[in-house]
Amino acid sequence: MISVQIDEEKIREMAYEISQEQKSYEDFVWFFTEAELRIRPALAYGKLYKDGEESQVVRIDPDMMVEQPTEEDIRTTAEEISKQGLSVQDLHWFTAERRFIYDAARNN
């Protein structure tokens, strides 16, 4: 189990880069879902935030991360996420955040 310090500035930069991709809403949902499923099993508490508060440090077990979630898992979860009606900006941010955590944990 390791701790990953959240770097909001880096995540902001990553989110901006993602926003510049000429993709559809469905593509951004897919990217977010894939990034979410890579880290979800490895999060110490099974979620990124606890009690509605953002955490500046995330506890994660790199050995539990999923390199490539199955297409079926992504599709099923993407359908659920799509129903939540997240804004495109939220999808960019959430995707960047999860990619940051995944990369930091993998490279630790």
PDB file of N, CA and C in Angstrom:
ATOM      1  N   MET A   1       0.850  -1.176   0.000  1.00  0.00           N
ATOM      2  CA  MET A   1       0.000   0.000   0.000  1.00  0.00           C
ATOM      3  C   MET A   1       0.898   1.243   0.000  1.00  0.00           C
ATOM      4  N   ILE A   2       0.604   2.155  -0.904  1.00  0.00           N
ATOM      5  CA  ILE A   2       1.383   3.389  -0.975  1.00  0.00           C
ATOM      6  C   ILE A   2       0.439   4.590  -0.913  1.00  0.00           C
ATOM      7  N   SER A   3       1.014   5.747  -0.661  1.00  0.00           N
ATOM      8  CA  SER A   3       0.254   6.992  -0.674  1.00  0.00           C
ATOM      9  C   SER A   3       0.653   7.788  -1.901  1.00  0.00           C
ATOM     10  N   VAL A   4      -0.352   8.335  -2.590  1.00  0.00           N
ATOM     11  CA  VAL A   4      -0.113   9.184  -3.745  1.00  0.00           C
ATOM     12  C   VAL A   4      -0.611  10.580  -3.396  1.00  0.00           C
ATOM     13  N   GLN A   5       0.289  11.543  -3.446  1.00  0.00           N
ATOM     14  CA  GLN A   5      -0.064  12.936  -3.186  1.00  0.00           C
ATOM     15  C   GLN A   5      -0.711  13.520  -4.438  1.00  0.00           C
ATOM     16  N   ILE A   6      -1.909  14.058  -4.297  1.00  0.00           N
ATOM     17  CA  ILE A   6      -2.630  14.652  -5.423  1.00  0.00           C
ATOM     18  C   ILE A   6      -2.003  15.995  -5.777  1.00  0.00           C
ATOM     19  N   ASP A   7      -1.657  16.164  -7.037  1.00  0.00           N
ATOM     20  CA  ASP A   7      -1.086  17.413  -7.550  1.00  0.00           C
ATOM     21  C   ASP A   7      -2.131  18.060  -8.458  1.00  0.00           C
ATOM     22  N   GLU A   8      -2.927  18.973  -7.881  1.00  0.00           N
ATOM     23  CA  GLU A   8      -4.035  19.561  -8.627  1.00  0.00           C
ATOM     24  C   GLU A   8      -3.571  20.316  -9.871  1.00  0.00           C
ATOM     25  N   GLU A   9      -2.424  20.947  -9.801  1.00  0.00           N
ATOM     26  CA  GLU A   9      -1.931  21.692 -10.968  1.00  0.00           C
ATOM     27  C   GLU A   9      -1.611  20.736 -12.120  1.00  0.00           C
ATOM     28  N   LYS A  10      -0.965  19.635 -11.800  1.00  0.00           N
ATOM     29  CA  LYS A  10      -0.652  18.638 -12.829  1.00  0.00           C
ATOM     30  C   LYS A  10      -1.944  18.046 -13.399  1.00  0.00           C
ATOM     31  N   ILE A  11      -2.900  17.768 -12.541  1.00  0.00           N
ATOM     32  CA  ILE A  11      -4.180  17.223 -12.993  1.00  0.00           C
ATOM     33  C   ILE A  11      -4.893  18.239 -13.874  1.00  0.00           C
ATOM     34  N   ARG A  12      -4.827  19.506 -13.513  1.00  0.00           N
ATOM     35  CA  ARG A  12      -5.432  20.562 -14.328  1.00  0.00           C
ATOM     36  C   ARG A  12      -4.813  20.584 -15.725  1.00  0.00           C
ATOM     37  N   GLU A  13      -3.500  20.458 -15.798  1.00  0.00           N
ATOM     38  CA  GLU A  13      -2.802  20.427 -17.089  1.00  0.00           C
ATOM     39  C   GLU A  13      -3.228  19.203 -17.905  1.00  0.00           C
ATOM     40  N   MET A  14      -3.310  18.059 -17.240  1.00  0.00           N
ATOM     41  CA  MET A  14      -3.710  16.831 -17.922  1.00  0.00           C
ATOM     42  C   MET A  14      -5.155  16.955 -18.424  1.00  0.00           C
ATOM     43  N   ALA A  15      -6.025  17.527 -17.607  1.00  0.00           N
ATOM     44  CA  ALA A  15      -7.431  17.702 -17.995  1.00  0.00           C
ATOM     45  C   ALA A  15      -7.531  18.620 -19.214  1.00  0.00           C
ATOM     46  N   TYR A  16      -6.714  19.653 -19.231  1.00  0.00           N
ATOM     47  CA  TYR A  16      -6.724  20.552 -20.383  1.00  0.00           C
ATOM     48  C   TYR A  16      -6.298  19.802 -21.649  1.00  0.00           C
ATOM     49  N   GLU A  17      -5.239  18.993 -21.542  1.00  0.00           N
ATOM     50  CA  GLU A  17      -4.776  18.211 -22.692  1.00  0.00           C
ATOM     51  C   GLU A  17      -5.876  17.274 -23.185  1.00  0.00           C
ATOM     52  N   ILE A  18      -6.568  16.636 -22.254  1.00  0.00           N
ATOM     53  CA  ILE A  18      -7.665  15.743 -22.634  1.00  0.00           C
ATOM     54  C   ILE A  18      -8.759  16.544 -23.331  1.00  0.00           C
ATOM     55  N   SER A  19      -9.040  17.736 -22.835  1.00  0.00           N
ATOM     56  CA  SER A  19     -10.114  18.563 -23.409  1.00  0.00           C
ATOM     57  C   SER A  19      -9.817  18.981 -24.842  1.00  0.00           C
ATOM     58  N   GLN A  20      -8.559  18.964 -25.215  1.00  0.00           N
ATOM     59  CA  GLN A  20      -8.184  19.379 -26.564  1.00  0.00           C
ATOM     60  C   GLN A  20      -8.351  18.274 -27.598  1.00  0.00           C
ATOM     61  N   GLU A  21      -8.618  17.064 -27.128  1.00  0.00           N
ATOM     62  CA  GLU A  21      -8.852  15.949 -28.047  1.00  0.00           C
ATOM     63  C   GLU A  21     -10.236  16.119 -28.670  1.00  0.00           C
ATOM     64  N   GLN A  22     -10.304  15.947 -29.943  1.00  0.00           N
ATOM     65  CA  GLN A  22     -11.576  16.081 -30.665  1.00  0.00           C
ATOM     66  C   GLN A  22     -12.344  14.763 -30.576  1.00  0.00           C
ATOM     67  N   LYS A  23     -12.983  14.566 -29.445  1.00  0.00           N
ATOM     68  CA  LYS A  23     -13.709  13.318 -29.184  1.00  0.00           C
ATOM     69  C   LYS A  23     -15.153  13.621 -28.811  1.00  0.00           C
ATOM     70  N   SER A  24     -15.992  12.596 -28.906  1.00  0.00           N
ATOM     71  CA  SER A  24     -17.402  12.733 -28.543  1.00  0.00           C
ATOM     72  C   SER A  24     -17.570  12.577 -27.029  1.00  0.00           C
ATOM     73  N   TYR A  25     -18.746  12.941 -26.551  1.00  0.00           N
ATOM     74  CA  TYR A  25     -19.079  12.763 -25.135  1.00  0.00           C
ATOM     75  C   TYR A  25     -18.903  11.289 -24.753  1.00  0.00           C
ATOM     76  N   GLU A  26     -19.367  10.399 -25.611  1.00  0.00           N
ATOM     77  CA  GLU A  26     -19.272   8.958 -25.335  1.00  0.00           C
ATOM     78  C   GLU A  26     -17.812   8.511 -25.233  1.00  0.00           C
ATOM     79  N   ASP A  27     -16.954   9.082 -26.082  1.00  0.00           N
ATOM     80  CA  ASP A  27     -15.529   8.754 -25.999  1.00  0.00           C
ATOM     81  C   ASP A  27     -14.952   9.188 -24.654  1.00  0.00           C
ATOM     82  N   PHE A  28     -15.319  10.388 -24.192  1.00  0.00           N
ATOM     83  CA  PHE A  28     -14.815  10.871 -22.908  1.00  0.00           C
ATOM     84  C   PHE A  28     -15.346  10.031 -21.749  1.00  0.00           C
ATOM     85  N   VAL A  29     -16.591   9.561 -21.844  1.00  0.00           N
ATOM     86  CA  VAL A  29     -17.126   8.651 -20.832  1.00  0.00           C
ATOM     87  C   VAL A  29     -16.302   7.365 -20.827  1.00  0.00           C
ATOM     88  N   TRP A  30     -15.976   6.865 -22.017  1.00  0.00           N
ATOM     89  CA  TRP A  30     -15.174   5.637 -22.133  1.00  0.00           C
ATOM     90  C   TRP A  30     -13.798   5.844 -21.491  1.00  0.00           C
ATOM     91  N   PHE A  31     -13.136   6.957 -21.792  1.00  0.00           N
ATOM     92  CA  PHE A  31     -11.806   7.237 -21.226  1.00  0.00           C
ATOM     93  C   PHE A  31     -11.869   7.281 -19.703  1.00  0.00           C
ATOM     94  N   PHE A  32     -12.890   7.982 -19.175  1.00  0.00           N
ATOM     95  CA  PHE A  32     -13.047   8.083 -17.723  1.00  0.00           C
ATOM     96  C   PHE A  32     -13.277   6.704 -17.115  1.00  0.00           C
ATOM     97  N   THR A  33     -14.165   5.935 -17.720  1.00  0.00           N
ATOM     98  CA  THR A  33     -14.488   4.613 -17.195  1.00  0.00           C
ATOM     99  C   THR A  33     -13.256   3.710 -17.181  1.00  0.00           C
ATOM    100  N   GLU A  34     -12.504   3.725 -18.260  1.00  0.00           N
ATOM    101  CA  GLU A  34     -11.293   2.917 -18.335  1.00  0.00           C
ATOM    102  C   GLU A  34     -10.306   3.316 -17.236  1.00  0.00           C
ATOM    103  N   ALA A  35     -10.113   4.624 -17.051  1.00  0.00           N
ATOM    104  CA  ALA A  35      -9.197   5.110 -16.018  1.00  0.00           C
ATOM    105  C   ALA A  35      -9.700   4.748 -14.618  1.00  0.00           C
ATOM    106  N   GLU A  36     -11.001   4.850 -14.423  1.00  0.00           N
ATOM    107  CA  GLU A  36     -11.613   4.499 -13.136  1.00  0.00           C
ATOM    108  C   GLU A  36     -11.420   3.018 -12.823  1.00  0.00           C
ATOM    109  N   LEU A  37     -11.678   2.158 -13.797  1.00  0.00           N
ATOM    110  CA  LEU A  37     -11.583   0.716 -13.559  1.00  0.00           C
ATOM    111  C   LEU A  37     -10.147   0.246 -13.355  1.00  0.00           C
ATOM    112  N   ARG A  38      -9.185   1.011 -13.832  1.00  0.00           N
ATOM    113  CA  ARG A  38      -7.776   0.646 -13.596  1.00  0.00           C
ATOM    114  C   ARG A  38      -7.414   0.780 -12.128  1.00  0.00           C
ATOM    115  N   ILE A  39      -7.946   1.801 -11.470  1.00  0.00           N
ATOM    116  CA  ILE A  39      -7.542   2.037 -10.074  1.00  0.00           C
ATOM    117  C   ILE A  39      -8.567   1.607  -9.044  1.00  0.00           C
ATOM    118  N   ARG A  40      -9.820   1.452  -9.431  1.00  0.00           N
ATOM    119  CA  ARG A  40     -10.877   1.160  -8.454  1.00  0.00           C
ATOM    120  C   ARG A  40     -10.549  -0.016  -7.535  1.00  0.00           C
ATOM    121  N   PRO A  41     -10.089  -1.173  -8.056  1.00  0.00           N
ATOM    122  CA  PRO A  41      -9.822  -2.303  -7.153  1.00  0.00           C
ATOM    123  C   PRO A  41      -8.643  -2.058  -6.214  1.00  0.00           C
ATOM    124  N   ALA A  42      -7.825  -1.074  -6.518  1.00  0.00           N
ATOM    125  CA  ALA A  42      -6.603  -0.853  -5.756  1.00  0.00           C
ATOM    126  C   ALA A  42      -6.735   0.230  -4.690  1.00  0.00           C
ATOM    127  N   LEU A  43      -7.814   1.000  -4.732  1.00  0.00           N
ATOM    128  CA  LEU A  43      -7.990   2.061  -3.745  1.00  0.00           C
ATOM    129  C   LEU A  43      -8.231   1.454  -2.373  1.00  0.00           C
ATOM    130  N   ALA A  44      -7.589   2.024  -1.364  1.00  0.00           N
ATOM    131  CA  ALA A  44      -7.646   1.466  -0.016  1.00  0.00           C
ATOM    132  C   ALA A  44      -9.072   1.380   0.502  1.00  0.00           C
ATOM    133  N   TYR A  45      -9.880   2.380   0.203  1.00  0.00           N
ATOM    134  CA  TYR A  45     -11.240   2.395   0.714  1.00  0.00           C
ATOM    135  C   TYR A  45     -12.257   2.130  -0.383  1.00  0.00           C
ATOM    136  N   GLY A  46     -11.765   1.759  -1.581  1.00  0.00           N
ATOM    137  CA  GLY A  46     -12.642   1.447  -2.683  1.00  0.00           C
ATOM    138  C   GLY A  46     -13.241   2.665  -3.356  1.00  0.00           C
ATOM    139  N   LYS A  47     -12.811   3.853  -2.924  1.00  0.00           N
ATOM    140  CA  LYS A  47     -13.295   5.074  -3.561  1.00  0.00           C
ATOM    141  C   LYS A  47     -12.243   6.158  -3.401  1.00  0.00           C
ATOM    142  N   LEU A  48     -12.328   7.151  -4.265  1.00  0.00           N
ATOM    143  CA  LEU A  48     -11.329   8.203  -4.282  1.00  0.00           C
ATOM    144  C   LEU A  48     -11.527   9.196  -3.141  1.00  0.00           C
ATOM    145  N   TYR A  49     -12.764   9.414  -2.773  1.00  0.00           N
ATOM    146  CA  TYR A  49     -13.078  10.398  -1.734  1.00  0.00           C
ATOM    147  C   TYR A  49     -13.814   9.712  -0.603  1.00  0.00           C
ATOM    148  N   LYS A  50     -13.692  10.280   0.579  1.00  0.00           N
ATOM    149  CA  LYS A  50     -14.435   9.712   1.696  1.00  0.00           C
ATOM    150  C   LYS A  50     -15.249  10.814   2.378  1.00  0.00           C
ATOM    151  N   ASP A  51     -16.422  10.488   2.763  1.00  0.00           N
ATOM    152  CA  ASP A  51     -17.329  11.404   3.460  1.00  0.00           C
ATOM    153  C   ASP A  51     -17.520  12.716   2.715  1.00  0.00           C
ATOM    154  N   GLY A  52     -17.511  12.662   1.389  1.00  0.00           N
ATOM    155  CA  GLY A  52     -17.782  13.848   0.597  1.00  0.00           C
ATOM    156  C   GLY A  52     -16.663  14.860   0.543  1.00  0.00           C
ATOM    157  N   GLU A  53     -15.536  14.560   1.137  1.00  0.00           N
ATOM    158  CA  GLU A  53     -14.412  15.498   1.140  1.00  0.00           C
ATOM    159  C   GLU A  53     -13.321  14.999   0.210  1.00  0.00           C
ATOM    160  N   GLU A  54     -12.745  15.932  -0.530  1.00  0.00           N
ATOM    161  CA  GLU A  54     -11.620  15.551  -1.379  1.00  0.00           C
ATOM    162  C   GLU A  54     -10.424  15.216  -0.502  1.00  0.00           C
ATOM    163  N   SER A  55      -9.729  14.198  -0.856  1.00  0.00           N
ATOM    164  CA  SER A  55      -8.525  13.810  -0.143  1.00  0.00           C
ATOM    165  C   SER A  55      -7.316  14.241  -0.962  1.00  0.00           C
ATOM    166  N   GLN A  56      -6.355  14.865  -0.330  1.00  0.00           N
ATOM    167  CA  GLN A  56      -5.146  15.275  -1.027  1.00  0.00           C
ATOM    168  C   GLN A  56      -4.143  14.126  -1.131  1.00  0.00           C
ATOM    169  N   VAL A  57      -4.399  13.064  -0.384  1.00  0.00           N
ATOM    170  CA  VAL A  57      -3.552  11.873  -0.439  1.00  0.00           C
ATOM    171  C   VAL A  57      -4.460  10.670  -0.642  1.00  0.00           C
ATOM    172  N   VAL A  58      -4.102   9.851  -1.610  1.00  0.00           N
ATOM    173  CA  VAL A  58      -4.872   8.647  -1.902  1.00  0.00           C
ATOM    174  C   VAL A  58      -4.020   7.439  -1.550  1.00  0.00           C
ATOM    175  N   ARG A  59      -4.613   6.511  -0.810  1.00  0.00           N
ATOM    176  CA  ARG A  59      -3.936   5.256  -0.477  1.00  0.00           C
ATOM    177  C   ARG A  59      -4.335   4.220  -1.521  1.00  0.00           C
ATOM    178  N   ILE A  60      -3.309   3.586  -2.120  1.00  0.00           N
ATOM    179  CA  ILE A  60      -3.571   2.654  -3.213  1.00  0.00           C
ATOM    180  C   ILE A  60      -2.571   1.500  -3.174  1.00  0.00           C
ATOM    181  N   ASP A  61      -3.029   0.342  -3.581  1.00  0.00           N
ATOM    182  CA  ASP A  61      -2.172  -0.846  -3.652  1.00  0.00           C
ATOM    183  C   ASP A  61      -1.839  -1.088  -5.130  1.00  0.00           C
ATOM    184  N   PRO A  62      -0.616  -0.735  -5.555  1.00  0.00           N
ATOM    185  CA  PRO A  62      -0.252  -0.873  -6.966  1.00  0.00           C
ATOM    186  C   PRO A  62      -0.435  -2.290  -7.513  1.00  0.00           C
ATOM    187  N   ASP A  63      -0.290  -3.303  -6.660  1.00  0.00           N
ATOM    188  CA  ASP A  63      -0.433  -4.678  -7.105  1.00  0.00           C
ATOM    189  C   ASP A  63      -1.880  -5.028  -7.484  1.00  0.00           C
ATOM    190  N   MET A  64      -2.822  -4.224  -7.020  1.00  0.00           N
ATOM    191  CA  MET A  64      -4.236  -4.482  -7.298  1.00  0.00           C
ATOM    192  C   MET A  64      -4.757  -3.696  -8.502  1.00  0.00           C
ATOM    193  N   MET A  65      -3.915  -2.837  -9.067  1.00  0.00           N
ATOM    194  CA  MET A  65      -4.344  -2.054 -10.221  1.00  0.00           C
ATOM    195  C   MET A  65      -4.533  -2.973 -11.420  1.00  0.00           C
ATOM    196  N   VAL A  66      -5.410  -2.571 -12.316  1.00  0.00           N
ATOM    197  CA  VAL A  66      -5.718  -3.349 -13.517  1.00  0.00           C
ATOM    198  C   VAL A  66      -5.101  -2.634 -14.713  1.00  0.00           C
ATOM    199  N   GLU A  67      -4.173  -3.300 -15.369  1.00  0.00           N
ATOM    200  CA  GLU A  67      -3.484  -2.692 -16.518  1.00  0.00           C
ATOM    201  C   GLU A  67      -4.463  -2.328 -17.632  1.00  0.00           C
ATOM    202  N   GLN A  68      -5.330  -3.274 -17.969  1.00  0.00           N
ATOM    203  CA  GLN A  68      -6.315  -3.027 -19.028  1.00  0.00           C
ATOM    204  C   GLN A  68      -7.630  -3.709 -18.655  1.00  0.00           C
ATOM    205  N   PRO A  69      -8.605  -2.927 -18.201  1.00  0.00           N
ATOM    206  CA  PRO A  69      -9.911  -3.521 -17.903  1.00  0.00           C
ATOM    207  C   PRO A  69     -10.511  -4.155 -19.166  1.00  0.00           C
ATOM    208  N   THR A  70     -11.366  -5.129 -18.991  1.00  0.00           N
ATOM    209  CA  THR A  70     -11.984  -5.768 -20.147  1.00  0.00           C
ATOM    210  C   THR A  70     -12.944  -4.802 -20.829  1.00  0.00           C
ATOM    211  N   GLU A  71     -13.110  -5.001 -22.111  1.00  0.00           N
ATOM    212  CA  GLU A  71     -14.017  -4.146 -22.880  1.00  0.00           C
ATOM    213  C   GLU A  71     -15.440  -4.255 -22.333  1.00  0.00           C
ATOM    214  N   GLU A  72     -15.829  -5.452 -21.933  1.00  0.00           N
ATOM    215  CA  GLU A  72     -17.183  -5.648 -21.389  1.00  0.00           C
ATOM    216  C   GLU A  72     -17.365  -4.880 -20.076  1.00  0.00           C
ATOM    217  N   ASP A  73     -16.361  -4.927 -19.187  1.00  0.00           N
ATOM    218  CA  ASP A  73     -16.439  -4.172 -17.933  1.00  0.00           C
ATOM    219  C   ASP A  73     -16.526  -2.675 -18.211  1.00  0.00           C
ATOM    220  N   ILE A  74     -15.721  -2.207 -19.158  1.00  0.00           N
ATOM    221  CA  ILE A  74     -15.746  -0.783 -19.504  1.00  0.00           C
ATOM    222  C   ILE A  74     -17.121  -0.414 -20.051  1.00  0.00           C
ATOM    223  N   ARG A  75     -17.637  -1.213 -20.971  1.00  0.00           N
ATOM    224  CA  ARG A  75     -18.933  -0.909 -21.591  1.00  0.00           C
ATOM    225  C   ARG A  75     -20.043  -0.846 -20.541  1.00  0.00           C
ATOM    226  N   THR A  76     -20.101  -1.847 -19.663  1.00  0.00           N
ATOM    227  CA  THR A  76     -21.149  -1.901 -18.641  1.00  0.00           C
ATOM    228  C   THR A  76     -21.063  -0.698 -17.702  1.00  0.00           C
ATOM    229  N   THR A  77     -19.875  -0.404 -17.223  1.00  0.00           N
ATOM    230  CA  THR A  77     -19.699   0.712 -16.300  1.00  0.00           C
ATOM    231  C   THR A  77     -19.903   2.046 -17.002  1.00  0.00           C
ATOM    232  N   ALA A  78     -19.477   2.148 -18.261  1.00  0.00           N
ATOM    233  CA  ALA A  78     -19.661   3.386 -19.025  1.00  0.00           C
ATOM    234  C   ALA A  78     -21.145   3.698 -19.194  1.00  0.00           C
ATOM    235  N   GLU A  79     -21.960   2.677 -19.379  1.00  0.00           N
ATOM    236  CA  GLU A  79     -23.409   2.893 -19.492  1.00  0.00           C
ATOM    237  C   GLU A  79     -23.963   3.485 -18.202  1.00  0.00           C
ATOM    238  N   GLU A  80     -23.500   2.977 -17.051  1.00  0.00           N
ATOM    239  CA  GLU A  80     -23.940   3.500 -15.760  1.00  0.00           C
ATOM    240  C   GLU A  80     -23.485   4.953 -15.582  1.00  0.00           C
ATOM    241  N   ILE A  81     -22.235   5.215 -15.918  1.00  0.00           N
ATOM    242  CA  ILE A  81     -21.685   6.560 -15.762  1.00  0.00           C
ATOM    243  C   ILE A  81     -22.382   7.543 -16.695  1.00  0.00           C
ATOM    244  N   SER A  82     -22.670   7.100 -17.897  1.00  0.00           N
ATOM    245  CA  SER A  82     -23.327   7.962 -18.870  1.00  0.00           C
ATOM    246  C   SER A  82     -24.685   8.437 -18.361  1.00  0.00           C
ATOM    247  N   LYS A  83     -25.372   7.588 -17.621  1.00  0.00           N
ATOM    248  CA  LYS A  83     -26.691   7.929 -17.070  1.00  0.00           C
ATOM    249  C   LYS A  83     -26.601   9.016 -15.995  1.00  0.00           C
ATOM    250  N   GLN A  84     -25.403   9.238 -15.434  1.00  0.00           N
ATOM    251  CA  GLN A  84     -25.231  10.246 -14.387  1.00  0.00           C
ATOM    252  C   GLN A  84     -25.238  11.660 -14.951  1.00  0.00           C
ATOM    253  N   GLY A  85     -25.052  11.778 -16.269  1.00  0.00           N
ATOM    254  CA  GLY A  85     -25.104  13.084 -16.905  1.00  0.00           C
ATOM    255  C   GLY A  85     -23.985  14.028 -16.494  1.00  0.00           C
ATOM    256  N   LEU A  86     -22.802  13.498 -16.297  1.00  0.00           N
ATOM    257  CA  LEU A  86     -21.655  14.335 -15.940  1.00  0.00           C
ATOM    258  C   LEU A  86     -21.355  15.318 -17.065  1.00  0.00           C
ATOM    259  N   SER A  87     -20.854  16.480 -16.701  1.00  0.00           N
ATOM    260  CA  SER A  87     -20.458  17.446 -17.729  1.00  0.00           C
ATOM    261  C   SER A  87     -19.183  16.962 -18.407  1.00  0.00           C
ATOM    262  N   VAL A  88     -18.933  17.452 -19.599  1.00  0.00           N
ATOM    263  CA  VAL A  88     -17.708  17.100 -20.323  1.00  0.00           C
ATOM    264  C   VAL A  88     -16.495  17.543 -19.509  1.00  0.00           C
ATOM    265  N   GLN A  89     -16.588  18.711 -18.870  1.00  0.00           N
ATOM    266  CA  GLN A  89     -15.480  19.216 -18.058  1.00  0.00           C
ATOM    267  C   GLN A  89     -15.192  18.286 -16.880  1.00  0.00           C
ATOM    268  N   ASP A  90     -16.254  17.767 -16.245  1.00  0.00           N
ATOM    269  CA  ASP A  90     -16.053  16.809 -15.154  1.00  0.00           C
ATOM    270  C   ASP A  90     -15.378  15.544 -15.663  1.00  0.00           C
ATOM    271  N   LEU A  91     -15.787  15.072 -16.831  1.00  0.00           N
ATOM    272  CA  LEU A  91     -15.164  13.877 -17.404  1.00  0.00           C
ATOM    273  C   LEU A  91     -13.681  14.109 -17.658  1.00  0.00           C
ATOM    274  N   HIS A  92     -13.330  15.284 -18.160  1.00  0.00           N
ATOM    275  CA  HIS A  92     -11.915  15.601 -18.388  1.00  0.00           C
ATOM    276  C   HIS A  92     -11.154  15.558 -17.062  1.00  0.00           C
ATOM    277  N   TRP A  93     -11.711  16.221 -16.046  1.00  0.00           N
ATOM    278  CA  TRP A  93     -11.042  16.296 -14.741  1.00  0.00           C
ATOM    279  C   TRP A  93     -10.917  14.909 -14.117  1.00  0.00           C
ATOM    280  N   PHE A  94     -12.018  14.171 -14.064  1.00  0.00           N
ATOM    281  CA  PHE A  94     -12.000  12.854 -13.426  1.00  0.00           C
ATOM    282  C   PHE A  94     -11.048  11.893 -14.140  1.00  0.00           C
ATOM    283  N   THR A  95     -11.004  11.971 -15.459  1.00  0.00           N
ATOM    284  CA  THR A  95     -10.092  11.124 -16.224  1.00  0.00           C
ATOM    285  C   THR A  95      -8.652  11.485 -15.899  1.00  0.00           C
ATOM    286  N   ALA A  96      -8.346  12.771 -15.910  1.00  0.00           N
ATOM    287  CA  ALA A  96      -6.983  13.227 -15.604  1.00  0.00           C
ATOM    288  C   ALA A  96      -6.577  12.801 -14.196  1.00  0.00           C
ATOM    289  N   GLU A  97      -7.481  12.973 -13.254  1.00  0.00           N
ATOM    290  CA  GLU A  97      -7.213  12.627 -11.866  1.00  0.00           C
ATOM    291  C   GLU A  97      -6.864  11.152 -11.724  1.00  0.00           C
ATOM    292  N   ARG A  98      -7.636  10.306 -12.353  1.00  0.00           N
ATOM    293  CA  ARG A  98      -7.397   8.872 -12.238  1.00  0.00           C
ATOM    294  C   ARG A  98      -6.140   8.446 -12.991  1.00  0.00           C
ATOM    295  N   ARG A  99      -5.888   9.062 -14.126  1.00  0.00           N
ATOM    296  CA  ARG A  99      -4.641   8.765 -14.846  1.00  0.00           C
ATOM    297  C   ARG A  99      -3.435   9.197 -14.025  1.00  0.00           C
ATOM    298  N   PHE A 100      -3.534  10.348 -13.358  1.00  0.00           N
ATOM    299  CA  PHE A 100      -2.441  10.832 -12.511  1.00  0.00           C
ATOM    300  C   PHE A 100      -2.157   9.820 -11.395  1.00  0.00           C
ATOM    301  N   ILE A 101      -3.204   9.360 -10.726  1.00  0.00           N
ATOM    302  CA  ILE A 101      -3.038   8.407  -9.628  1.00  0.00           C
ATOM    303  C   ILE A 101      -2.446   7.093 -10.140  1.00  0.00           C
ATOM    304  N   TYR A 102      -2.968   6.622 -11.247  1.00  0.00           N
ATOM    305  CA  TYR A 102      -2.475   5.364 -11.830  1.00  0.00           C
ATOM    306  C   TYR A 102      -0.985   5.478 -12.162  1.00  0.00           C
ATOM    307  N   ASP A 103      -0.620   6.559 -12.867  1.00  0.00           N
ATOM    308  CA  ASP A 103       0.780   6.748 -13.263  1.00  0.00           C
ATOM    309  C   ASP A 103       1.686   6.896 -12.052  1.00  0.00           C
ATOM    310  N   ALA A 104       1.236   7.656 -11.053  1.00  0.00           N
ATOM    311  CA  ALA A 104       2.056   7.865  -9.851  1.00  0.00           C
ATOM    312  C   ALA A 104       2.261   6.553  -9.097  1.00  0.00           C
ATOM    313  N   ALA A 105       1.211   5.767  -8.976  1.00  0.00           N
ATOM    314  CA  ALA A 105       1.317   4.489  -8.260  1.00  0.00           C
ATOM    315  C   ALA A 105       2.176   3.490  -9.024  1.00  0.00           C
ATOM    316  N   ARG A 106       2.007   3.488 -10.331  1.00  0.00           N
ATOM    317  CA  ARG A 106       2.768   2.548 -11.173  1.00  0.00           C
ATOM    318  C   ARG A 106       4.261   2.888 -11.150  1.00  0.00           C
ATOM    319  N   ASN A 107       4.570   4.172 -11.114  1.00  0.00           N
ATOM    320  CA  ASN A 107       5.973   4.610 -11.176  1.00  0.00           C
ATOM    321  C   ASN A 107       6.616   4.762  -9.809  1.00  0.00           C
ATOM    322  N   ASN A 108       5.896   4.407  -8.764  1.00  0.00           N
ATOM    323  CA  ASN A 108       6.427   4.585  -7.406  1.00  0.00           C
ATOM    324  C   ASN A 108       7.500   3.539  -7.113  1.00  0.00           C
TER     325      ASN A 108
END
